[in-house]
């Protein structure tokens, strides 16, 4: 899985990603969706 280290919130304006979690842990697809949305 790719690292997600960008903290510039301007890169993410106007995009919504709903994150799925199970037993308190985010699913691996969440980071993929966030990266694609960016």
Protein backbone atom coordinates (compact mmCIF):
# COMPACT_ATOMS: atom_id res chain seq x y z
CA UNK A 1 0.00 0.00 0.00
CA UNK A 2 1.28 3.48 -0.84
CA UNK A 3 2.21 5.91 1.91
CA UNK A 4 -0.10 8.88 2.38
CA UNK A 5 1.83 11.83 3.78
CA UNK A 6 0.41 14.95 2.09
CA UNK A 7 -0.93 17.42 4.65
CA UNK A 8 -1.80 20.24 2.21
CA UNK A 9 -5.60 20.36 2.58
CA UNK A 10 -5.96 22.64 -0.47
CA UNK A 11 -5.12 19.60 -2.62
CA UNK A 12 -8.35 17.96 -1.45
CA UNK A 13 -10.96 20.71 -1.82
CA UNK A 14 -14.29 19.81 -3.41
CA UNK A 15 -13.87 16.05 -3.07
CA UNK A 16 -15.66 13.73 -0.68
CA UNK A 17 -14.44 10.22 0.11
CA UNK A 18 -16.44 8.03 2.46
CA UNK A 19 -14.14 5.81 4.49
CA UNK A 20 -15.11 2.29 5.49
CA UNK A 21 -13.75 0.85 8.69
CA UNK A 22 -14.03 -2.54 10.31
CA UNK A 23 -13.14 -3.22 13.92
CA UNK A 24 -11.68 0.30 14.19
CA UNK A 25 -9.31 -0.02 11.22
CA UNK A 26 -9.65 1.74 7.87
CA UNK A 27 -9.98 -0.52 4.85
CA UNK A 28 -7.03 -0.46 2.39
CA UNK A 29 -9.22 0.90 -0.41
CA UNK A 30 -9.74 4.14 1.54
CA UNK A 31 -6.19 5.35 0.88
CA UNK A 32 -6.49 4.36 -2.77
CA UNK A 33 -9.70 6.38 -3.13
CA UNK A 34 -8.19 9.41 -1.41
CA UNK A 35 -5.15 9.24 -3.67
CA UNK A 36 -7.32 9.00 -6.80
CA UNK A 37 -9.54 11.85 -5.63
CA UNK A 38 -6.52 14.06 -5.15
